Amino acid sequence: MIDKAAARQYVRAMRNRTVYLLGVVCLALAFSFLPGARAGAAEVQEANSGRGGETLDLQSLRVKGKTTLIEFYSPFCPPCVRLAPLLAALAQKRSDVAIKKVNINRPEVKGIDWRSPLAQQHKIRTVPYFVIFSPRGKATEGQAASRQLENWLVEAGLMGK
């Protein structure tokens, strides 16, 4: 049974997340209308294209000499879809960061595939979920990785503080 205090805390957290995601959407829309928004060399790479939901060794996704941001996502996750243009913009502004997206969904599953082998392997319970590897291979994940991404977006002028 959930007590009222825990329920209120959950509702507040979800309200804060909704406000944050609305800000992300507004920034993504604003960015999409900037002239030359697609010009540049770097882009976000789909790390498991054609193999969605299959297990994956994250170490194999690291890019030598760069910080590597890995986003676990589902195409059925609205926040993930709204975040995509911001990640693309960040990839263009930060040549020192390689960004790779990992689809947790198996092709035949409609909706977020929490039971995919990939989601089970990495204990993914929420999407988007981020893992950041430093150039030396040190991994940061979860909330700490999300905060780092938020800082990068703010520094790049893609999101307000």
Protein backbone atom coordinates (compact mmCIF):
# COMPACT_ATOMS: atom_id res chain seq x y z
CA MET A 1 0.00 0.00 0.00
CA ILE A 2 1.29 3.45 -0.89
CA ASP A 3 1.09 6.13 1.76
CA LYS A 4 -0.14 9.64 0.90
CA ALA A 5 3.28 11.26 1.37
CA ALA A 6 4.89 8.87 -1.11
CA ALA A 7 2.05 9.45 -3.58
CA ARG A 8 2.45 13.25 -3.29
CA GLN A 9 6.20 12.94 -3.79
CA TYR A 10 5.64 10.80 -6.91
CA VAL A 11 3.10 13.27 -8.34
CA ARG A 12 5.50 16.19 -7.74
CA ALA A 13 8.36 14.30 -9.41
CA MET A 14 6.19 13.47 -12.43
CA ARG A 15 5.00 17.10 -12.66
CA ASN A 16 8.62 18.32 -12.60
CA ARG A 17 9.56 15.79 -15.27
CA THR A 18 6.63 16.91 -17.44
CA VAL A 19 7.68 20.57 -17.17
CA TYR A 20 11.27 19.60 -18.03
CA LEU A 21 10.14 17.56 -21.04
CA LEU A 22 7.95 20.41 -22.29
CA GLY A 23 11.04 22.64 -22.17
CA VAL A 24 12.99 20.03 -24.12
CA VAL A 25 10.24 19.89 -26.76
CA CYS A 26 10.16 23.68 -27.10
CA LEU A 27 13.92 23.82 -27.52
CA ALA A 28 13.86 20.99 -30.04
CA LEU A 29 11.21 22.79 -32.08
CA ALA A 30 13.08 26.08 -31.88
CA PHE A 31 16.30 24.40 -32.98
CA SER A 32 14.63 22.71 -35.94
CA PHE A 33 13.83 26.12 -37.43
CA LEU A 34 17.34 27.57 -37.15
CA PRO A 35 19.09 28.16 -40.47
CA GLY A 36 21.85 25.63 -41.03
CA ALA A 37 20.66 23.46 -38.16
CA ARG A 38 21.65 20.33 -40.07
CA ALA A 39 24.99 21.64 -41.33
CA GLY A 40 28.07 20.10 -39.72
CA ALA A 41 29.95 16.85 -39.59
CA ALA A 42 29.05 15.03 -36.38
CA GLU A 43 25.83 13.14 -35.95
CA VAL A 44 24.17 10.71 -33.61
CA GLN A 45 24.84 7.08 -34.54
CA GLU A 46 22.33 4.26 -34.22
CA ALA A 47 24.47 1.67 -32.41
CA ASN A 48 22.31 -1.42 -32.90
CA SER A 49 20.46 -0.70 -36.14
CA GLY A 50 18.64 -3.81 -37.33
CA ARG A 51 19.42 -5.59 -34.05
CA GLY A 52 17.06 -3.75 -31.69
CA GLY A 53 16.59 -5.41 -28.34
CA GLU A 54 19.53 -7.83 -28.69
CA THR A 55 22.21 -7.94 -25.99
CA LEU A 56 25.16 -5.64 -26.54
CA ASP A 57 28.60 -5.04 -25.03
CA LEU A 58 28.66 -1.32 -24.21
CA GLN A 59 32.47 -1.25 -24.14
CA SER A 60 32.40 -1.99 -27.88
CA LEU A 61 30.56 1.30 -28.45
CA ARG A 62 33.26 3.49 -26.91
CA VAL A 63 35.02 5.86 -29.30
CA LYS A 64 38.75 6.07 -28.70
CA GLY A 65 39.91 9.49 -27.50
CA LYS A 66 36.37 10.84 -27.03
CA THR A 67 33.73 10.93 -24.37
CA THR A 68 30.97 8.57 -25.49
CA LEU A 69 27.33 9.19 -24.58
CA ILE A 70 25.05 6.17 -25.00
CA GLU A 71 21.30 6.72 -24.94
CA PHE A 72 19.06 3.70 -24.37
CA TYR A 73 15.74 4.54 -25.97
CA SER A 74 12.53 3.17 -27.42
CA PRO A 75 10.82 4.54 -30.53
CA PHE A 76 7.60 4.29 -28.47
CA CYS A 77 8.95 6.65 -25.78
CA PRO A 78 7.71 10.23 -26.39
CA PRO A 79 10.51 11.86 -24.33
CA CYS A 80 13.09 9.87 -26.30
CA VAL A 81 11.62 11.02 -29.59
CA ARG A 82 11.55 14.66 -28.42
CA LEU A 83 15.14 14.44 -27.19
CA ALA A 84 16.50 13.26 -30.55
CA PRO A 85 16.88 16.75 -32.15
CA LEU A 86 18.69 18.03 -29.08
CA LEU A 87 21.15 15.15 -29.18
CA ALA A 88 21.72 15.79 -32.88
CA ALA A 89 22.41 19.46 -32.17
CA LEU A 90 24.74 18.55 -29.31
CA ALA A 91 26.65 16.15 -31.58
CA GLN A 92 27.23 19.03 -34.00
CA LYS A 93 28.37 21.43 -31.29
CA ARG A 94 30.57 19.02 -29.30
CA SER A 95 33.13 17.27 -31.48
CA ASP A 96 34.72 15.80 -28.33
CA VAL A 97 31.55 13.79 -27.58
CA ALA A 98 30.42 10.78 -29.63
CA ILE A 99 26.70 10.10 -29.24
CA LYS A 100 25.26 6.64 -29.84
CA LYS A 101 21.64 5.56 -29.54
CA VAL A 102 20.72 2.01 -28.51
CA ASN A 103 17.17 0.82 -29.25
CA ILE A 104 15.89 -1.46 -26.47
CA ASN A 105 12.94 -2.67 -28.56
CA ARG A 106 12.78 -5.94 -30.44
CA PRO A 107 11.30 -5.35 -33.93
CA GLU A 108 8.08 -7.27 -33.29
CA VAL A 109 7.20 -5.49 -30.03
CA LYS A 110 4.86 -2.49 -30.08
CA GLY A 111 5.31 -0.27 -27.05
CA ILE A 112 8.34 0.04 -24.79
CA ASP A 113 9.98 -3.38 -24.64
CA TRP A 114 10.99 -3.70 -20.99
CA ARG A 115 11.45 -7.47 -21.42
CA SER A 116 13.90 -7.35 -24.32
CA PRO A 117 17.21 -9.14 -23.76
CA LEU A 118 18.98 -5.76 -23.98
CA ALA A 119 16.75 -4.10 -21.36
CA GLN A 120 17.19 -7.10 -19.08
CA GLN A 121 20.97 -7.25 -19.62
CA HIS A 122 21.49 -3.61 -18.58
CA LYS A 123 18.59 -3.50 -16.08
CA ILE A 124 16.88 -0.68 -17.96
CA ARG A 125 13.81 0.44 -16.02
CA THR A 126 13.33 3.88 -17.55
CA VAL A 127 13.99 5.46 -20.92
CA PRO A 128 15.72 7.52 -21.95
CA TYR A 129 18.59 6.07 -19.92
CA PHE A 130 22.15 7.30 -20.34
CA VAL A 131 25.63 5.87 -19.91
CA ILE A 132 28.66 8.10 -20.44
CA PHE A 133 32.15 6.73 -20.94
CA SER A 134 35.09 9.08 -20.36
CA PRO A 135 37.92 8.93 -22.92
CA ARG A 136 39.70 6.63 -20.45
CA GLY A 137 36.71 4.29 -20.19
CA LYS A 138 35.24 5.27 -16.82
CA ALA A 139 31.47 4.78 -16.92
CA THR A 140 28.86 7.10 -15.42
CA GLU A 141 25.21 6.16 -15.69
CA GLY A 142 21.71 6.88 -14.46
CA GLN A 143 20.98 10.20 -12.76
CA ALA A 144 24.63 11.32 -12.81
CA ALA A 145 24.79 10.76 -16.58
CA SER A 146 21.47 12.57 -17.06
CA ARG A 147 22.78 15.57 -15.10
CA GLN A 148 25.97 15.61 -17.20
CA LEU A 149 23.91 15.58 -20.40
CA GLU A 150 21.74 18.39 -19.07
CA ASN A 151 24.90 20.43 -18.28
CA TRP A 152 26.21 19.85 -21.81
CA LEU A 153 22.90 20.98 -23.31
CA VAL A 154 22.95 24.14 -21.20
CA GLU A 155 26.60 24.87 -22.05
CA ALA A 156 25.85 24.40 -25.76
CA GLY A 157 22.96 26.87 -25.52
CA LEU A 158 20.41 24.19 -26.42
CA MET A 159 18.55 24.28 -23.11
CA GLY A 160 17.91 26.89 -20.46
CA LYS A 161 19.16 26.32 -16.95
